[in-house]
Amino acid sequence: MFPPQSAPQLELLKADDIGLGAQAAPQIDARWWHQYGDRQFDELIESALARNPTLQEALARVGVARAQVQAAAAGRRPEVNLQGEAERQRFPERFIYPPPYGGGSYWQGAVFANLSWELDFWGHQAALLDNAQSSAAAAVLDASAARLAIAGSVAQTYLELNRAYALAEIATQSAEQRRQILEITRKRIAAGLDTNVELREAEAAVPQAELAKLQAAAAADLAIHRLAALAGKGAQAYRLFQKPTLDVAASFAVPEELPLDLLGRRPDVLAVRARIAAATARRHAARAAFFPNINLQAFAGFQAIGLDNLLQAADRTYGAGPAISLPLFDSLRRKSALYSAVASEDAAIATYNDTVLRAVQQVADQLSLVRSAAKQLEQARATLAATEAAYRLAQRRYQAGLANYLSVLITETQVLSARTSYVEVVHAQAIARMTLLLAVGGSFSPPA
């Protein structure tokens, strides 16, 4: 039986195919999260990297893969075992056994040391070992990708928690301002300057600000719950969280274009590349299965009738020689295994190409978001300054009786909206920069 000529149909995407830039990505500090200057945040990241169940599961898969490497490596080494047996047997009277054994029942014993060694002329065992080693490498890279993803999830959630606290502060300031306006309105009514219409508007504005506070508090609670879960902690940790002290404006050394070394920096890309190598090795093993299997076998031991004679020198026996197995007909099982291996290799290549394209898209998306956030921040800062100046002027005019309450309410609403937008843009920029850092591989160091 000869193997069919089968090879994968798909081709790998190359760096030239996806338009990478000319510059490599900058090096990232291994503990990049320290740049935010928040000790609580540092502790959360370190706890998540030590206790997160998803990461622990990935590390467990690494252990399984390494055990499979050891099992595959054992297939290339000689195997020696010791075998002993004893049985009571009646020997036939007219057969090969001479008197006095013919017609009697006796114990028959044997002790052998057996050696078996597959001489792997066609590389079948070597290919299986390559498959296991590449799968183990992929599992290690999966664990690295999980570390990046978990650190990124903690960072994004902590930024969301910081944003919720910032929005809660804005809502608190707004509620205080609206209570002050309500008090001013009551005084103006007493002086005959306003009517009950302005009073009802001022009274309705206070609960609206309280509603914003409740919404921000709920968002903070949800962020705390998620952070505790990411850090491998339960509900008992919720009350231990303090208000973040993040330096949201912390900057990282991030690229300004698609980095040249993108495909070699991301562990998820390297993991699927390792799985291609594993699938290729599996195809080689399936192809080698069509050729003769040659084993070197040997044995040495004792064999005797009667257990009291079992270890006598005269009862020793030994032998050695090759054993050859050549497949002739197996109902297409080997062909099916080879075709399956080829299809798996095509699937691995397709997964790699998809991962590469998604990696390029993620980096390109974050580059666009970082650039856009920088421009939005300038506009948000200018808008906030203008609306706050208008609000202060409206307050003075209202207190002096030169404007009605409606003008104050309009400008106060604009200030609230501008402050909220400013907080959102600041945090969007921080999240975009952090996500870009992770999208180019973060602090991951690719294996040699």
Protein backbone atom coordinates (compact mmCIF):
# COMPACT_ATOMS: atom_id res chain seq x y z
CA MET A 1 0.00 0.00 0.00
CA PHE A 2 1.48 3.35 -1.02
CA PRO A 3 0.44 6.73 0.42
CA PRO A 4 -1.47 9.16 -1.82
CA GLN A 5 0.17 12.47 -2.65
CA SER A 6 -1.74 14.83 -0.37
CA ALA A 7 -0.75 18.34 0.67
CA PRO A 8 -2.59 21.34 2.15
CA GLN A 9 -4.43 23.53 -0.34
CA LEU A 10 -4.24 26.83 1.58
CA GLU A 11 -1.28 29.20 1.93
CA LEU A 12 -0.16 31.32 4.86
CA LEU A 13 -0.60 35.07 4.77
CA LYS A 14 2.76 36.85 4.72
CA ALA A 15 3.70 40.21 6.25
CA ASP A 16 3.80 41.73 2.76
CA ASP A 17 0.18 40.68 2.22
CA ILE A 18 -1.22 42.69 5.13
CA GLY A 19 0.57 46.04 4.80
CA LEU A 20 2.63 46.23 7.97
CA GLY A 21 4.66 49.37 8.60
CA ALA A 22 8.40 49.87 8.48
CA GLN A 23 9.00 50.32 12.23
CA ALA A 24 8.96 47.70 14.97
CA ALA A 25 6.72 48.21 17.99
CA PRO A 26 8.40 49.82 21.03
CA GLN A 27 9.38 47.65 23.97
CA ILE A 28 6.86 47.58 26.80
CA ASP A 29 7.73 47.31 30.48
CA ALA A 30 6.84 43.90 31.94
CA ARG A 31 4.68 45.57 34.61
CA TRP A 32 3.20 48.29 32.44
CA TRP A 33 0.23 48.75 34.77
CA HIS A 34 2.49 50.39 37.38
CA GLN A 35 2.52 53.50 35.19
CA TYR A 36 -1.02 54.30 36.35
CA GLY A 37 0.32 54.92 39.88
CA ASP A 38 -2.50 53.12 41.72
CA ARG A 39 -1.43 50.51 44.28
CA GLN A 40 -4.89 48.95 44.45
CA PHE A 41 -4.82 48.49 40.68
CA ASP A 42 -1.36 46.87 40.87
CA GLU A 43 -2.61 44.41 43.48
CA LEU A 44 -5.68 43.54 41.39
CA ILE A 45 -3.58 42.80 38.29
CA GLU A 46 -1.14 40.64 40.25
CA SER A 47 -3.96 38.79 41.99
CA ALA A 48 -5.69 38.14 38.67
CA LEU A 49 -2.47 36.80 37.12
CA ALA A 50 -2.03 34.47 40.09
CA ARG A 51 -5.61 33.36 40.83
CA ASN A 52 -7.81 33.88 37.81
CA PRO A 53 -9.58 30.55 36.99
CA THR A 54 -9.32 31.09 33.22
CA LEU A 55 -5.55 31.49 33.44
CA GLN A 56 -5.27 28.51 35.78
CA GLU A 57 -7.18 26.43 33.24
CA ALA A 58 -4.77 27.52 30.49
CA LEU A 59 -1.79 26.59 32.66
CA ALA A 60 -3.36 23.20 33.37
CA ARG A 61 -3.58 22.61 29.61
CA VAL A 62 0.14 23.37 29.42
CA GLY A 63 0.76 20.57 31.93
CA VAL A 64 -1.36 18.16 29.89
CA ALA A 65 0.48 19.08 26.68
CA ARG A 66 3.89 18.58 28.29
CA ALA A 67 2.83 15.16 29.54
CA GLN A 68 1.82 14.28 25.98
CA VAL A 69 5.29 15.31 24.79
CA GLN A 70 6.81 12.86 27.28
CA ALA A 71 4.46 10.13 26.07
CA ALA A 72 5.38 10.79 22.42
CA ALA A 73 9.10 10.83 23.26
CA ALA A 74 8.73 7.44 24.95
CA GLY A 75 7.63 5.95 21.63
CA ARG A 76 11.13 6.52 20.23
CA ARG A 77 12.91 4.68 23.03
CA PRO A 78 13.31 0.96 23.71
CA GLU A 79 10.73 -0.64 25.95
CA VAL A 80 11.78 -3.35 28.42
CA ASN A 81 9.39 -5.31 30.59
CA LEU A 82 9.59 -8.28 32.89
CA GLN A 83 7.02 -11.02 32.43
CA GLY A 84 6.38 -14.02 34.64
CA GLU A 85 3.71 -16.69 34.47
CA ALA A 86 2.80 -20.00 36.06
CA GLU A 87 0.00 -22.42 35.23
CA ARG A 88 -1.07 -25.95 36.13
CA GLN A 89 -1.42 -28.07 33.00
CA ARG A 90 -2.15 -31.69 32.15
CA PHE A 91 0.05 -32.87 29.30
CA PRO A 92 -1.42 -35.28 26.72
CA GLU A 93 -0.21 -38.88 26.79
CA ARG A 94 0.55 -39.20 23.08
CA PHE A 95 2.01 -35.89 22.16
CA ILE A 96 5.38 -34.18 22.25
CA TYR A 97 5.95 -34.60 26.01
CA PRO A 98 8.00 -37.69 26.93
CA PRO A 99 7.41 -39.80 30.02
CA PRO A 100 6.96 -39.18 32.85
CA TYR A 101 5.21 -35.90 31.82
CA GLY A 102 2.80 -37.39 29.29
CA GLY A 103 -0.53 -38.00 30.95
CA GLY A 104 0.40 -36.08 34.11
CA SER A 105 -0.42 -32.65 35.53
CA TYR A 106 2.45 -30.33 36.36
CA TRP A 107 3.20 -26.68 37.00
CA GLN A 108 4.70 -24.88 34.04
CA GLY A 109 6.54 -21.62 34.71
CA ALA A 110 8.33 -18.93 32.73
CA VAL A 111 10.18 -15.70 33.53
CA PHE A 112 11.21 -13.42 30.64
CA ALA A 113 12.73 -9.99 30.13
CA ASN A 114 11.37 -8.62 26.84
CA LEU A 115 12.79 -5.76 24.76
CA SER A 116 10.95 -4.01 21.95
CA TRP A 117 12.28 -1.07 19.96
CA GLU A 118 10.58 0.53 16.97
CA LEU A 119 13.33 1.54 14.56
CA ASP A 120 11.31 4.43 13.08
CA PHE A 121 12.92 4.32 9.63
CA TRP A 122 10.12 6.41 8.09
CA GLY A 123 9.84 9.07 10.81
CA HIS A 124 6.44 8.07 12.18
CA GLN A 125 7.42 8.38 15.84
CA ALA A 126 9.50 11.50 15.15
CA ALA A 127 6.46 13.14 13.53
CA LEU A 128 4.28 12.23 16.51
CA LEU A 129 6.87 13.82 18.81
CA ASP A 130 6.95 16.97 16.64
CA ASN A 131 3.16 17.10 16.82
CA ALA A 132 3.20 16.88 20.62
CA GLN A 133 5.97 19.45 20.98
CA SER A 134 4.22 21.95 18.70
CA SER A 135 0.94 21.41 20.56
CA ALA A 136 2.75 22.03 23.85
CA ALA A 137 4.28 25.22 22.45
CA ALA A 138 0.81 26.35 21.38
CA ALA A 139 -0.54 25.67 24.88
CA VAL A 140 2.26 27.78 26.43
CA LEU A 141 1.46 30.61 24.01
CA ASP A 142 -2.24 30.27 24.81
CA ALA A 143 -1.38 30.82 28.46
CA SER A 144 0.60 33.95 27.53
CA ALA A 145 -2.34 35.21 25.49
CA ALA A 146 -4.63 34.53 28.46
CA ARG A 147 -2.32 36.57 30.72
CA LEU A 148 -2.51 39.52 28.33
CA ALA A 149 -6.28 39.21 27.98
CA ILE A 150 -6.83 39.01 31.74
CA ALA A 151 -4.53 41.96 32.45
CA GLY A 152 -6.37 43.92 29.75
CA SER A 153 -9.78 43.01 31.17
CA VAL A 154 -8.74 44.11 34.65
CA ALA A 155 -7.30 47.37 33.30
CA GLN A 156 -10.38 48.20 31.22
CA THR A 157 -12.76 47.34 34.06
CA TYR A 158 -10.73 49.42 36.52
CA LEU A 159 -10.84 52.35 34.13
CA GLU A 160 -14.61 51.87 33.91
CA LEU A 161 -14.76 51.92 37.72
CA ASN A 162 -12.76 55.15 37.76
CA ARG A 163 -15.12 56.62 35.16
CA ALA A 164 -18.15 55.64 37.27
CA TYR A 165 -16.66 57.45 40.29
CA ALA A 166 -15.92 60.51 38.12
CA LEU A 167 -19.47 60.57 36.78
CA ALA A 168 -20.82 60.16 40.31
CA GLU A 169 -18.81 63.24 41.36
CA ILE A 170 -20.24 65.21 38.46
CA ALA A 171 -23.76 64.13 39.44
CA THR A 172 -23.06 65.12 43.07
CA GLN A 173 -21.84 68.57 42.00
CA SER A 174 -24.87 68.95 39.75
CA ALA A 175 -27.24 67.96 42.56
CA GLU A 176 -25.63 70.53 44.89
CA GLN A 177 -25.85 73.24 42.22
CA ARG A 178 -29.50 72.46 41.59
CA ARG A 179 -30.29 72.56 45.30
CA GLN A 180 -28.65 75.99 45.45
CA ILE A 181 -30.70 77.15 42.49
CA LEU A 182 -33.83 75.79 44.18
CA GLU A 183 -33.04 77.84 47.30
CA ILE A 184 -32.42 80.95 45.17
CA THR A 185 -35.72 80.37 43.36
CA ARG A 186 -37.63 80.19 46.64
CA LYS A 187 -36.08 83.48 47.74
CA ARG A 188 -36.96 85.09 44.40
CA ILE A 189 -40.57 83.91 44.75
CA ALA A 190 -40.70 85.41 48.22
CA ALA A 191 -39.46 88.67 46.69
CA GLY A 192 -42.04 88.46 43.91
CA LEU A 193 -39.46 87.97 41.16
CA ASP A 194 -40.43 84.42 40.09
CA THR A 195 -43.57 82.35 39.88
CA ASN A 196 -44.48 78.79 40.87
CA VAL A 197 -43.58 77.68 37.36
CA GLU A 198 -39.87 78.39 38.03
CA LEU A 199 -40.22 76.74 41.44
CA ARG A 200 -41.59 73.50 39.98
CA GLU A 201 -38.79 73.47 37.36
CA ALA A 202 -36.14 73.92 40.04
CA GLU A 203 -37.70 71.20 42.21
CA ALA A 204 -37.81 68.75 39.26
CA ALA A 205 -34.14 69.34 38.43
CA VAL A 206 -32.88 67.98 41.80
CA PRO A 207 -34.22 64.39 41.38
CA GLN A 208 -32.73 64.27 37.88
CA ALA A 209 -29.28 64.85 39.33
CA GLU A 210 -29.92 62.23 42.03
CA LEU A 211 -30.90 59.77 39.28
CA ALA A 212 -27.54 60.33 37.59
CA LYS A 213 -25.81 59.61 40.92
CA LEU A 214 -27.71 56.32 41.30
CA GLN A 215 -26.83 55.27 37.77
CA ALA A 216 -23.14 56.02 38.34
CA ALA A 217 -23.20 54.09 41.64
CA ALA A 218 -24.77 51.07 39.91
CA ALA A 219 -22.07 51.17 37.22
CA ALA A 220 -19.40 51.28 39.94
CA ASP A 221 -20.94 48.27 41.70
CA LEU A 222 -20.96 46.23 38.50
CA ALA A 223 -17.31 47.12 37.82
CA ILE A 224 -16.36 46.07 41.37
CA HIS A 225 -18.16 42.73 40.96
CA ARG A 226 -16.32 42.03 37.73
CA LEU A 227 -12.95 43.05 39.16
CA ALA A 228 -13.42 40.69 42.09
CA ALA A 229 -14.24 37.82 39.75
CA LEU A 230 -11.25 38.57 37.52
CA ALA A 231 -8.98 38.61 40.58
CA GLY A 232 -10.33 35.22 41.69
CA LYS A 233 -12.22 36.66 44.66
CA GLY A 234 -15.82 36.42 45.81
CA ALA A 235 -18.42 38.80 47.21
CA GLN A 236 -16.49 39.25 50.46
CA ALA A 237 -14.01 41.42 48.52
CA TYR A 238 -16.62 43.93 47.31
CA ARG A 239 -16.52 46.08 50.45
CA LEU A 240 -12.70 46.20 50.38
CA PHE A 241 -12.52 48.24 47.17
CA GLN A 242 -11.42 51.84 47.54
CA LYS A 243 -11.90 54.74 45.18
CA PRO A 244 -9.32 54.49 42.34
CA THR A 245 -6.40 56.91 42.32
CA LEU A 246 -5.48 56.30 38.67
CA ASP A 247 -3.37 58.65 36.65
CA VAL A 248 -5.73 58.38 33.69
CA ALA A 249 -3.42 60.48 31.54
CA ALA A 250 -0.58 57.95 31.91
CA SER A 251 1.05 57.42 28.53
CA PHE A 252 2.62 54.30 27.08
CA ALA A 253 5.15 53.74 24.33
CA VAL A 254 2.69 52.68 21.64
CA PRO A 255 3.24 52.59 17.87
CA GLU A 256 1.86 55.19 15.51
CA GLU A 257 1.33 52.72 12.66
CA LEU A 258 0.96 48.99 12.12
CA PRO A 259 4.25 47.65 13.55
CA LEU A 260 6.58 45.63 11.38
CA ASP A 261 6.94 42.86 13.97
CA LEU A 262 3.22 42.52 14.77
CA LEU A 263 2.97 38.84 13.78
CA GLY A 264 5.93 37.90 15.95
CA ARG A 265 4.79 39.81 19.06
CA ARG A 266 1.29 38.50 19.59
CA PRO A 267 1.04 35.18 21.46
CA ASP A 268 -2.31 34.31 19.88
CA VAL A 269 -0.80 34.58 16.38
CA LEU A 270 2.22 32.51 17.41
CA ALA A 271 -0.06 29.91 19.03
CA VAL A 272 -2.03 29.26 15.85
CA ARG A 273 1.27 29.17 13.93
CA ALA A 274 2.45 26.44 16.31
CA ARG A 275 -0.78 24.55 15.65
CA ILE A 276 0.01 24.60 11.95
CA ALA A 277 3.33 22.96 12.77
CA ALA A 278 1.47 20.39 14.88
CA ALA A 279 -0.96 19.67 12.05
CA THR A 280 1.91 19.34 9.56
CA ALA A 281 3.65 16.86 11.85
CA ARG A 282 0.40 14.92 12.17
CA ARG A 283 0.21 14.74 8.36
CA HIS A 284 3.77 13.42 8.19
CA ALA A 285 2.92 10.78 10.81
CA ALA A 286 -0.19 9.74 8.87
CA ARG A 287 1.88 9.42 5.68
CA ALA A 288 4.61 7.40 7.42
CA ALA A 289 1.97 4.93 8.60
CA PHE A 290 1.78 3.58 5.02
CA PHE A 291 5.34 2.21 5.18
CA PRO A 292 6.56 -0.98 6.87
CA ASN A 293 6.88 -0.89 10.62
CA ILE A 294 10.18 -2.47 11.73
CA ASN A 295 10.68 -3.44 15.36
CA LEU A 296 13.74 -4.95 17.01
CA GLN A 297 12.63 -7.57 19.53
CA ALA A 298 14.61 -9.63 22.02
CA PHE A 299 13.89 -11.76 25.05
CA ALA A 300 15.86 -13.65 27.72
CA GLY A 301 14.67 -15.74 30.63
CA PHE A 302 13.84 -19.14 32.00
CA GLN A 303 11.16 -21.67 31.12
CA ALA A 304 10.61 -25.02 32.81
CA ILE A 305 8.12 -27.68 33.80
CA GLY A 306 8.01 -27.62 37.55
CA LEU A 307 8.49 -24.41 39.49
CA ASP A 308 11.40 -25.84 41.51
CA ASN A 309 13.44 -26.04 38.29
CA LEU A 310 12.47 -22.62 36.95
CA LEU A 311 15.73 -20.76 37.58
CA GLN A 312 18.11 -23.57 36.61
CA ALA A 313 20.84 -22.68 34.14
CA ALA A 314 19.72 -25.47 31.87
CA ASP A 315 16.28 -23.90 31.56
CA ARG A 316 17.50 -20.55 30.26
CA THR A 317 16.23 -19.34 26.92
CA TYR A 318 16.77 -16.23 24.81
CA GLY A 319 16.27 -14.88 21.32
CA ALA A 320 16.35 -11.74 19.21
CA GLY A 321 15.34 -10.57 15.77
CA PRO A 322 13.44 -8.03 13.72
CA ALA A 323 9.69 -7.92 13.30
CA ILE A 324 8.30 -6.32 10.16
CA SER A 325 4.69 -5.30 9.67
CA LEU A 326 3.57 -4.13 6.23
CA PRO A 327 0.02 -2.85 5.74
CA LEU A 328 -1.68 -4.43 2.72
CA PHE A 329 -5.40 -3.88 3.20
CA ASP A 330 -7.08 -1.87 5.97
CA SER A 331 -10.36 -0.76 4.41
CA LEU A 332 -8.93 2.74 3.63
CA ARG A 333 -8.33 3.53 7.31
CA ARG A 334 -4.83 4.91 6.67
CA LYS A 335 -6.00 6.98 3.72
CA SER A 336 -8.81 8.39 5.80
CA ALA A 337 -6.35 9.30 8.56
CA LEU A 338 -4.09 11.04 6.02
CA TYR A 339 -6.96 12.96 4.41
CA SER A 340 -8.15 13.99 7.88
CA ALA A 341 -4.65 15.23 8.75
CA VAL A 342 -4.47 17.26 5.53
CA ALA A 343 -7.87 18.79 6.23
CA SER A 344 -6.76 19.64 9.78
CA GLU A 345 -3.69 21.37 8.38
CA ASP A 346 -5.87 23.40 6.00
CA ALA A 347 -8.12 24.33 8.92
CA ALA A 348 -5.09 25.41 10.98
CA ILE A 349 -3.83 27.57 8.11
CA ALA A 350 -7.27 29.14 7.70
CA THR A 351 -7.40 29.84 11.45
CA TYR A 352 -3.96 31.44 11.27
CA ASN A 353 -4.95 33.68 8.37
CA ASP A 354 -8.14 34.70 10.17
CA THR A 355 -6.18 35.44 13.37
CA VAL A 356 -3.66 37.54 11.43
CA LEU A 357 -6.38 39.58 9.74
CA ARG A 358 -8.19 40.13 13.04
CA ALA A 359 -4.91 41.17 14.69
CA VAL A 360 -4.30 43.73 11.95
CA GLN A 361 -7.86 45.00 12.25
CA GLN A 362 -7.60 45.30 16.06
CA VAL A 363 -4.38 47.29 15.88
CA ALA A 364 -5.69 49.48 13.05
CA ASP A 365 -8.92 50.09 14.99
CA GLN A 366 -7.06 51.11 18.14
CA LEU A 367 -4.69 53.37 16.21
CA SER A 368 -7.72 55.16 14.75
CA LEU A 369 -9.39 55.38 18.18
CA VAL A 370 -6.23 56.79 19.79
CA ARG A 371 -5.90 59.46 17.09
CA SER A 372 -9.60 60.29 17.26
CA ALA A 373 -9.61 60.41 21.08
CA ALA A 374 -6.74 62.92 21.06
CA LYS A 375 -8.73 65.25 18.79
CA GLN A 376 -11.96 64.68 20.72
CA LEU A 377 -10.19 65.53 23.97
CA GLU A 378 -9.16 68.93 22.63
CA GLN A 379 -12.73 69.67 21.59
CA ALA A 380 -14.19 68.37 24.86
CA ARG A 381 -11.80 70.51 26.89
CA ALA A 382 -12.72 73.63 24.91
CA THR A 383 -16.44 72.87 25.12
CA LEU A 384 -16.25 72.34 28.88
CA ALA A 385 -14.42 75.63 29.44
CA ALA A 386 -16.96 77.54 27.35
CA THR A 387 -20.04 75.99 28.99
CA GLU A 388 -18.69 76.50 32.52
CA ALA A 389 -18.04 80.19 31.74
CA ALA A 390 -21.56 80.52 30.34
CA TYR A 391 -23.03 78.80 33.41
CA ARG A 392 -21.22 81.11 35.83
CA LEU A 393 -22.48 84.12 33.88
CA ALA A 394 -26.05 82.78 33.85
CA GLN A 395 -25.93 82.22 37.63
CA ARG A 396 -24.82 85.81 38.26
CA ARG A 397 -27.49 87.20 35.92
CA TYR A 398 -30.18 85.09 37.62
CA GLN A 399 -29.12 86.18 41.11
CA ALA A 400 -29.15 89.80 39.92
CA GLY A 401 -32.63 89.39 38.46
CA LEU A 402 -31.43 89.94 34.89
CA ALA A 403 -32.43 86.46 33.61
CA ASN A 404 -35.05 83.85 34.34
CA TYR A 405 -34.49 80.36 35.68
CA LEU A 406 -34.83 78.74 32.28
CA SER A 407 -31.57 80.26 31.08
CA VAL A 408 -29.79 78.93 34.18
CA LEU A 409 -31.28 75.46 33.70
CA ILE A 410 -30.24 75.36 30.05
CA THR A 411 -26.64 76.37 30.74
CA GLU A 412 -26.43 74.02 33.77
CA THR A 413 -27.62 71.13 31.62
CA GLN A 414 -24.98 72.04 29.04
CA VAL A 415 -22.28 72.06 31.71
CA LEU A 416 -23.37 68.66 32.99
CA SER A 417 -23.32 67.27 29.47
CA ALA A 418 -19.89 68.80 28.77
CA ARG A 419 -18.41 67.44 32.01
CA THR A 420 -19.82 64.00 31.27
CA SER A 421 -18.47 64.08 27.72
CA TYR A 422 -15.06 65.17 28.97
CA VAL A 423 -14.87 62.29 31.44
CA GLU A 424 -16.03 59.84 28.76
CA VAL A 425 -13.42 61.06 26.24
CA VAL A 426 -10.59 61.00 28.81
CA HIS A 427 -11.38 57.42 29.73
CA ALA A 428 -11.99 56.40 26.10
CA GLN A 429 -8.51 57.67 25.27
CA ALA A 430 -6.99 55.78 28.21
CA ILE A 431 -8.78 52.56 27.22
CA ALA A 432 -7.77 52.97 23.56
CA ARG A 433 -4.10 53.45 24.44
CA MET A 434 -4.12 50.52 26.84
CA THR A 435 -5.91 48.29 24.31
CA LEU A 436 -3.45 49.31 21.59
CA LEU A 437 -0.59 48.37 23.89
CA LEU A 438 -2.08 44.88 24.32
CA ALA A 439 -3.06 44.57 20.64
CA VAL A 440 0.60 44.74 19.63
CA GLY A 441 1.56 42.08 22.17
CA GLY A 442 2.00 44.11 25.34
CA SER A 443 5.01 43.02 27.39
CA PHE A 444 4.97 39.50 25.92
CA SER A 445 8.45 38.28 24.97
CA PRO A 446 8.30 35.87 22.01
CA PRO A 447 10.29 32.64 22.41
CA ALA A 448 13.46 32.32 20.38
